[in-house]
C-alpha atoms as a PDB file:
ATOM      1  CA  MET A   1      12.475 -35.230 -55.688  1.00  0.00           C
ATOM      2  CA  SER A   2      15.027 -36.493 -52.729  1.00  0.00           C
ATOM      3  CA  PHE A   3      17.793 -36.716 -55.061  1.00  0.00           C
ATOM      4  CA  ALA A   4      18.443 -40.250 -53.605  1.00  0.00           C
ATOM      5  CA  SER A   5      18.745 -43.711 -55.507  1.00  0.00           C
ATOM      6  CA  GLY A   6      15.146 -45.547 -55.930  1.00  0.00           C
ATOM      7  CA  VAL A   7      12.087 -44.271 -55.077  1.00  0.00           C
ATOM      8  CA  GLU A   8      10.216 -44.938 -51.237  1.00  0.00           C
ATOM      9  CA  PHE A   9       6.741 -43.938 -52.349  1.00  0.00           C
ATOM     10  CA  PHE A  10       5.354 -42.812 -54.938  1.00  0.00           C
ATOM     11  CA  ASP A  11       1.007 -42.659 -55.395  1.00  0.00           C
ATOM     12  CA  PRO A  12       0.174 -44.676 -58.558  1.00  0.00           C
ATOM     13  CA  GLU A  13      -2.736 -42.379 -59.601  1.00  0.00           C
ATOM     14  CA  LEU A  14       0.281 -39.606 -60.004  1.00  0.00           C
ATOM     15  CA  LEU A  15       1.045 -41.726 -62.837  1.00  0.00           C
ATOM     16  CA  VAL A  16      -1.650 -42.001 -64.091  1.00  0.00           C
ATOM     17  CA  ASN A  17      -2.216 -38.091 -64.694  1.00  0.00           C
ATOM     18  CA  GLU A  18       1.129 -38.060 -65.726  1.00  0.00           C
ATOM     19  CA  THR A  19       0.681 -39.998 -68.843  1.00  0.00           C
ATOM     20  CA  LYS A  20      -2.897 -39.901 -69.442  1.00  0.00           C
ATOM     21  CA  ASN A  21      -1.862 -37.329 -72.551  1.00  0.00           C
ATOM     22  CA  LEU A  22       1.109 -39.465 -73.625  1.00  0.00           C
ATOM     23  CA  ARG A  23       1.081 -42.880 -76.468  1.00  0.00           C
ATOM     24  CA  CYS A  24       0.723 -45.162 -73.560  1.00  0.00           C
ATOM     25  CA  PRO A  25      -1.159 -43.883 -70.330  1.00  0.00           C
ATOM     26  CA  VAL A  26      -0.503 -45.847 -67.736  1.00  0.00           C
ATOM     27  CA  VAL A  27      -3.620 -48.047 -66.485  1.00  0.00           C
ATOM     28  CA  LEU A  28      -4.305 -48.255 -62.886  1.00  0.00           C
ATOM     29  CA  GLU A  29      -6.043 -52.161 -62.983  1.00  0.00           C
ATOM     30  CA  ASN A  30      -1.858 -53.145 -64.207  1.00  0.00           C
ATOM     31  CA  ILE A  31      -0.136 -50.934 -60.857  1.00  0.00           C
ATOM     32  CA  LYS A  32       0.777 -53.387 -58.646  1.00  0.00           C
ATOM     33  CA  TYR A  33       1.074 -52.399 -55.141  1.00  0.00           C
ATOM     34  CA  ALA A  34       2.331 -54.661 -52.097  1.00  0.00           C
ATOM     35  CA  GLY A  35       1.802 -57.540 -54.252  1.00  0.00           C
ATOM     36  CA  SER A  36      -1.762 -56.803 -55.137  1.00  0.00           C
ATOM     37  CA  LEU A  37      -3.346 -55.232 -58.332  1.00  0.00           C
ATOM     38  CA  ILE A  38      -4.810 -51.860 -57.117  1.00  0.00           C
ATOM     39  CA  SER A  39      -8.926 -51.114 -58.465  1.00  0.00           C
ATOM     40  CA  PRO A  40      -9.867 -48.294 -60.023  1.00  0.00           C
ATOM     41  CA  SER A  41     -11.965 -45.904 -57.592  1.00  0.00           C
ATOM     42  CA  PRO A  42     -15.828 -46.139 -59.245  1.00  0.00           C
ATOM     43  CA  PRO A  43     -16.761 -43.291 -60.991  1.00  0.00           C
ATOM     44  CA  PRO A  44     -18.383 -40.716 -58.088  1.00  0.00           C
ATOM     45  CA  PRO A  45     -21.841 -39.771 -58.648  1.00  0.00           C
ATOM     46  CA  PRO A  46     -22.883 -35.995 -59.374  1.00  0.00           C
ATOM     47  CA  ALA A  47     -22.023 -33.385 -57.430  1.00  0.00           C
ATOM     48  CA  ASP A  48     -25.486 -32.182 -56.482  1.00  0.00           C
ATOM     49  CA  SER A  49     -26.196 -35.470 -54.942  1.00  0.00           C
ATOM     50  CA  THR A  50     -23.313 -36.474 -52.541  1.00  0.00           C
ATOM     51  CA  TYR A  51     -22.592 -36.351 -48.850  1.00  0.00           C
ATOM     52  CA  THR A  52     -18.807 -35.680 -49.146  1.00  0.00           C
ATOM     53  CA  PHE A  53     -16.421 -36.748 -46.309  1.00  0.00           C
ATOM     54  CA  ASN A  54     -12.817 -37.610 -45.680  1.00  0.00           C
ATOM     55  CA  VAL A  55     -10.748 -38.965 -42.642  1.00  0.00           C
ATOM     56  CA  ILE A  56      -7.450 -39.622 -41.514  1.00  0.00           C
ATOM     57  CA  ALA A  57      -6.660 -43.673 -40.738  1.00  0.00           C
ATOM     58  CA  GLU A  58      -4.262 -45.175 -39.121  1.00  0.00           C
ATOM     59  CA  GLY A  59      -1.687 -47.693 -41.912  1.00  0.00           C
ATOM     60  CA  GLU A  60      -0.910 -47.914 -45.015  1.00  0.00           C
ATOM     61  CA  LEU A  61      -2.073 -48.391 -48.314  1.00  0.00           C
ATOM     62  CA  SER A  62      -2.032 -52.287 -48.700  1.00  0.00           C
ATOM     63  CA  ASP A  63      -3.695 -52.482 -45.573  1.00  0.00           C
ATOM     64  CA  PHE A  64      -6.930 -51.284 -47.123  1.00  0.00           C
ATOM     65  CA  ASP A  65      -7.916 -54.610 -49.188  1.00  0.00           C
ATOM     66  CA  ASP A  66     -11.188 -55.233 -50.824  1.00  0.00           C
ATOM     67  CA  ALA A  67     -12.827 -56.241 -47.715  1.00  0.00           C
ATOM     68  CA  LYS A  68     -11.846 -53.900 -45.420  1.00  0.00           C
ATOM     69  CA  VAL A  69     -13.182 -51.441 -47.975  1.00  0.00           C
ATOM     70  CA  LYS A  70     -16.736 -53.535 -48.122  1.00  0.00           C
ATOM     71  CA  SER A  71     -16.859 -53.502 -44.274  1.00  0.00           C
ATOM     72  CA  ILE A  72     -16.767 -49.486 -44.050  1.00  0.00           C
ATOM     73  CA  LYS A  73     -18.763 -48.861 -46.950  1.00  0.00           C
ATOM     74  CA  GLU A  74     -21.357 -50.957 -45.643  1.00  0.00           C
ATOM     75  CA  SER A  75     -20.930 -49.575 -41.817  1.00  0.00           C
ATOM     76  CA  ILE A  76     -21.472 -45.961 -42.963  1.00  0.00           C
ATOM     77  CA  ALA A  77     -24.183 -47.437 -45.314  1.00  0.00           C
ATOM     78  CA  ASP A  78     -25.988 -49.343 -42.280  1.00  0.00           C
ATOM     79  CA  LYS A  79     -25.884 -45.499 -40.636  1.00  0.00           C
ATOM     80  CA  ALA A  80     -26.712 -42.896 -42.432  1.00  0.00           C
ATOM     81  CA  GLY A  81     -29.875 -45.488 -44.036  1.00  0.00           C
ATOM     82  CA  VAL A  82     -28.799 -45.842 -47.869  1.00  0.00           C
ATOM     83  CA  ALA A  83     -27.671 -48.661 -49.805  1.00  0.00           C
ATOM     84  CA  THR A  84     -23.807 -50.124 -50.024  1.00  0.00           C
ATOM     85  CA  ASP A  85     -24.168 -49.528 -53.606  1.00  0.00           C
ATOM     86  CA  ASP A  86     -24.560 -45.634 -53.171  1.00  0.00           C
ATOM     87  CA  VAL A  87     -21.790 -45.179 -51.070  1.00  0.00           C
ATOM     88  CA  TYR A  88     -17.843 -44.886 -52.846  1.00  0.00           C
ATOM     89  CA  VAL A  89     -14.575 -44.999 -50.700  1.00  0.00           C
ATOM     90  CA  GLN A  90     -11.685 -44.243 -52.082  1.00  0.00           C
ATOM     91  CA  ILE A  91      -8.307 -44.597 -49.982  1.00  0.00           C
ATOM     92  CA  ARG A  92      -5.296 -42.224 -50.774  1.00  0.00           C
ATOM     93  CA  ALA A  93      -2.145 -41.683 -49.676  1.00  0.00           C
ATOM     94  CA  ALA A  94      -1.373 -39.411 -46.642  1.00  0.00           C
ATOM     95  CA  SER A  95      -0.707 -41.866 -44.078  1.00  0.00           C
ATOM     96  CA  VAL A  96      -4.379 -43.114 -45.087  1.00  0.00           C
ATOM     97  CA  ASP A  97      -6.752 -40.515 -46.747  1.00  0.00           C
ATOM     98  CA  ILE A  98     -10.128 -42.184 -46.953  1.00  0.00           C
ATOM     99  CA  VAL A  99     -12.689 -40.409 -48.736  1.00  0.00           C
ATOM    100  CA  VAL A 100     -16.072 -41.319 -48.718  1.00  0.00           C
ATOM    101  CA  GLN A 101     -19.561 -39.999 -51.115  1.00  0.00           C
ATOM    102  CA  ILE A 102     -22.376 -41.290 -50.982  1.00  0.00           C
ATOM    103  CA  LYS A 103     -25.067 -41.068 -53.415  1.00  0.00           C
ATOM    104  CA  VAL A 104     -28.459 -39.546 -51.751  1.00  0.00           C
ATOM    105  CA  SER A 105     -32.007 -38.812 -52.952  1.00  0.00           C
ATOM    106  CA  ASP A 106     -32.596 -36.621 -49.248  1.00  0.00           C
ATOM    107  CA  TYR A 107     -29.651 -34.880 -48.694  1.00  0.00           C
ATOM    108  CA  GLY A 108     -31.273 -34.103 -45.025  1.00  0.00           C
ATOM    109  CA  SER A 109     -32.018 -37.540 -44.175  1.00  0.00           C
ATOM    110  CA  VAL A 110     -28.624 -38.597 -44.551  1.00  0.00           C
ATOM    111  CA  ALA A 111     -26.645 -35.799 -43.323  1.00  0.00           C
ATOM    112  CA  ASN A 112     -28.737 -35.672 -39.941  1.00  0.00           C
ATOM    113  CA  LYS A 113     -27.770 -39.274 -39.069  1.00  0.00           C
ATOM    114  CA  VAL A 114     -24.108 -38.830 -40.322  1.00  0.00           C
ATOM    115  CA  ASP A 115     -22.988 -35.233 -39.190  1.00  0.00           C
ATOM    116  CA  PRO A 116     -23.285 -36.680 -35.391  1.00  0.00           C
ATOM    117  CA  TYR A 117     -20.753 -39.241 -36.360  1.00  0.00           C
ATOM    118  CA  LEU A 118     -17.642 -36.701 -38.129  1.00  0.00           C
ATOM    119  CA  THR A 119     -17.405 -34.536 -34.799  1.00  0.00           C
ATOM    120  CA  SER A 120     -14.058 -36.503 -33.414  1.00  0.00           C
ATOM    121  CA  ALA A 121     -12.143 -39.214 -34.681  1.00  0.00           C
ATOM    122  CA  SER A 122     -13.296 -41.872 -31.755  1.00  0.00           C
ATOM    123  CA  GLU A 123     -17.109 -40.878 -33.300  1.00  0.00           C
ATOM    124  CA  ALA A 124     -16.110 -41.197 -36.954  1.00  0.00           C
ATOM    125  CA  THR A 125     -14.342 -44.596 -36.065  1.00  0.00           C
ATOM    126  CA  GLU A 126     -17.037 -45.579 -35.180  1.00  0.00           C
ATOM    127  CA  LEU A 127     -18.678 -44.771 -38.243  1.00  0.00           C
ATOM    128  CA  LEU A 128     -16.961 -46.782 -40.575  1.00  0.00           C
ATOM    129  CA  GLY A 129     -16.831 -49.942 -38.559  1.00  0.00           C
ATOM    130  CA  GLY A 130     -15.444 -49.180 -35.321  1.00  0.00           C
ATOM    131  CA  GLU A 131     -11.330 -50.632 -34.769  1.00  0.00           C
ATOM    132  CA  SER A 132     -11.681 -53.887 -35.938  1.00  0.00           C
ATOM    133  CA  VAL A 133     -11.675 -52.194 -39.572  1.00  0.00           C
ATOM    134  CA  VAL A 134     -10.284 -48.748 -38.745  1.00  0.00           C
ATOM    135  CA  THR A 135      -8.828 -46.666 -36.400  1.00  0.00           C
ATOM    136  CA  VAL A 136      -9.665 -43.126 -37.969  1.00  0.00           C
ATOM    137  CA  VAL A 137      -6.980 -40.214 -36.613  1.00  0.00           C
ATOM    138  CA  SER A 138      -8.635 -37.405 -37.398  1.00  0.00           C
ATOM    139  CA  VAL A 139     -11.257 -36.287 -39.203  1.00  0.00           C
ATOM    140  CA  VAL A 140     -10.202 -33.898 -42.659  1.00  0.00           C
ATOM    141  CA  SER A 141     -13.149 -32.442 -43.874  1.00  0.00           C
ATOM    142  CA  ALA A 142     -17.185 -33.075 -43.420  1.00  0.00           C
ATOM    143  CA  PRO A 143     -19.993 -31.215 -44.081  1.00  0.00           C
ATOM    144  CA  THR A 144     -21.441 -27.787 -42.610  1.00  0.00           C
ATOM    145  CA  PRO A 145     -23.933 -29.629 -40.098  1.00  0.00           C
ATOM    146  CA  TYR A 146     -27.189 -29.645 -41.710  1.00  0.00           C
ATOM    147  CA  PRO A 147     -30.274 -27.940 -39.467  1.00  0.00           C
ATOM    148  CA  LYS A 148     -32.043 -30.051 -38.576  1.00  0.00           C
ATOM    149  CA  PRO A 149     -36.129 -29.894 -39.952  1.00  0.00           C
ATOM    150  CA  GLU A 150     -38.755 -28.596 -37.263  1.00  0.00           C
ATOM    151  CA  SER A 151     -41.236 -30.410 -36.097  1.00  0.00           C
ATOM    152  CA  GLY A 152     -44.711 -29.407 -37.383  1.00  0.00           C
ATOM    153  CA  ASP A 153     -45.686 -29.833 -34.113  1.00  0.00           C
ATOM    154  CA  ASP A 154     -43.823 -27.818 -32.345  1.00  0.00           C
ATOM    155  CA  LEU A 155     -46.199 -25.267 -30.517  1.00  0.00           C
ATOM    156  CA  PRO A 156     -44.155 -21.560 -30.827  1.00  0.00           C
ATOM    157  CA  GLY A 157     -43.013 -20.002 -28.445  1.00  0.00           C
ATOM    158  CA  TRP A 158     -45.638 -17.093 -27.997  1.00  0.00           C
ATOM    159  CA  ALA A 159     -48.271 -19.413 -28.365  1.00  0.00           C
ATOM    160  CA  ILE A 160     -46.839 -21.484 -25.088  1.00  0.00           C
ATOM    161  CA  GLY A 161     -46.826 -18.205 -23.129  1.00  0.00           C
ATOM    162  CA  VAL A 162     -50.471 -17.616 -24.000  1.00  0.00           C
ATOM    163  CA  ILE A 163     -51.484 -21.346 -22.650  1.00  0.00           C
ATOM    164  CA  VAL A 164     -49.366 -20.401 -19.518  1.00  0.00           C
ATOM    165  CA  VAL A 165     -51.440 -17.342 -18.728  1.00  0.00           C
ATOM    166  CA  VAL A 166     -54.801 -19.074 -18.699  1.00  0.00           C
ATOM    167  CA  CYS A 167     -53.741 -21.774 -17.029  1.00  0.00           C
ATOM    168  CA  VAL A 168     -52.591 -19.425 -14.015  1.00  0.00           C
ATOM    169  CA  LEU A 169     -56.140 -17.779 -14.543  1.00  0.00           C
ATOM    170  CA  LEU A 170     -58.220 -20.420 -14.496  1.00  0.00           C
ATOM    171  CA  VAL A 171     -56.477 -21.892 -11.051  1.00  0.00           C
ATOM    172  CA  ALA A 172     -56.834 -18.719  -9.801  1.00  0.00           C
ATOM    173  CA  VAL A 173     -60.395 -18.052 -10.569  1.00  0.00           C
ATOM    174  CA  LEU A 174     -61.108 -21.957  -9.140  1.00  0.00           C
ATOM    175  CA  THR A 175     -58.951 -20.987  -6.124  1.00  0.00           C
ATOM    176  CA  CYS A 176     -61.552 -17.819  -5.432  1.00  0.00           C
ATOM    177  CA  ALA A 177     -64.683 -20.078  -6.116  1.00  0.00           C
ATOM    178  CA  ILE A 178     -63.354 -22.950  -3.481  1.00  0.00           C
ATOM    179  CA  ALA A 179     -62.623 -20.432  -1.180  1.00  0.00           C
ATOM    180  CA  MET A 180     -66.303 -18.580  -1.614  1.00  0.00           C
ATOM    181  CA  PHE A 181     -67.757 -21.798  -1.075  1.00  0.00           C
ATOM    182  CA  LEU A 182     -66.093 -22.588   2.246  1.00  0.00           C
ATOM    183  CA  ARG A 183     -66.983 -19.110   3.950  1.00  0.00           C
ATOM    184  CA  GLU A 184     -70.201 -19.757   2.828  1.00  0.00           C
ATOM    185  CA  ARG A 185     -70.756 -22.850   4.812  1.00  0.00           C
ATOM    186  CA  ALA A 186     -69.114 -21.280   7.396  1.00  0.00           C
ATOM    187  CA  GLY A 187     -71.485 -18.697   7.964  1.00  0.00           C
ATOM    188  CA  LYS A 188     -68.771 -16.100   7.046  1.00  0.00           C
ATOM    189  CA  PRO A 189     -70.037 -14.645   3.577  1.00  0.00           C
ATOM    190  CA  MET A 190     -67.128 -12.784   1.437  1.00  0.00           C
ATOM    191  CA  PHE A 191     -70.088 -11.089   0.205  1.00  0.00           C
ATOM    192  CA  THR A 192     -73.012  -9.090   1.814  1.00  0.00           C
ATOM    193  CA  THR A 193     -76.723  -7.414   0.998  1.00  0.00           C
ATOM    194  CA  LEU A 194     -75.667  -3.766   0.563  1.00  0.00           C
ATOM    195  CA  GLU A 195     -79.717  -2.840   1.412  1.00  0.00           C
ATOM    196  CA  PRO A 196     -80.254  -0.776   4.324  1.00  0.00           C
ATOM    197  CA  LYS A 197     -81.469  -2.313   8.017  1.00  0.00           C
ATOM    198  CA  ASP A 198     -85.421  -1.813   8.592  1.00  0.00           C
ATOM    199  CA  ASN A 199     -84.951   0.223  12.065  1.00  0.00           C
ATOM    200  CA  THR A 200     -88.909  -0.152  12.648  1.00  0.00           C
ATOM    201  CA  ALA A 201     -88.769  -4.210  13.100  1.00  0.00           C
ATOM    202  CA  ALA A 202     -86.056  -3.315  16.054  1.00  0.00           C
ATOM    203  CA  GLY A 203     -89.101  -1.108  17.685  1.00  0.00           C
ATOM    204  CA  VAL A 204     -87.034   2.512  16.473  1.00  0.00           C
ATOM    205  CA  GLU A 205     -90.015   5.268  15.818  1.00  0.00           C
ATOM    206  CA  LYS A 206     -89.560   7.304  12.433  1.00  0.00           C
ATOM    207  CA  ILE A 207     -89.215  10.285  13.166  1.00  0.00           C
END
């Protein structure tokens, strides 16, 4: 492509795609890269049962051997609450493009655990096992944040308002009752009788 002699870099999967319909297609297991055989990517789970994201990490493809990929899978599985065998990790060229697919039975549960780790490169680095395993440069794609399930124990707003009003009324009634009691004991009742006074008792003659 650069019209220069030799090849600086090519993606082994490109050869697979270009030769798949030829008489002698390239088999990925037979391609050597940096002195080691490249293992074919595991078959991804069905699209309707996967949580998928991909990030760009520092380094080269040759840095990500089976041990490092295993560490990444174990870290993701631990944080997502799934089995390690349900995590599929594909390492691709583009600096290093790491595509992760998690086979899930409860998408919401996994999404609520993993989504917070995909908000920044540093959080994604932690998700994949920390800087001792991989350093993420950027999050290329992440699922739309999954809505957190509403707890059945949460009260609606109107119910909270009613409770507050009732509490205020109870406090007002209790305060009024205490005030009445104290004034009665002091001989200054808040309420007096409305019956007319008997003036004859004071020696006033009726006309």
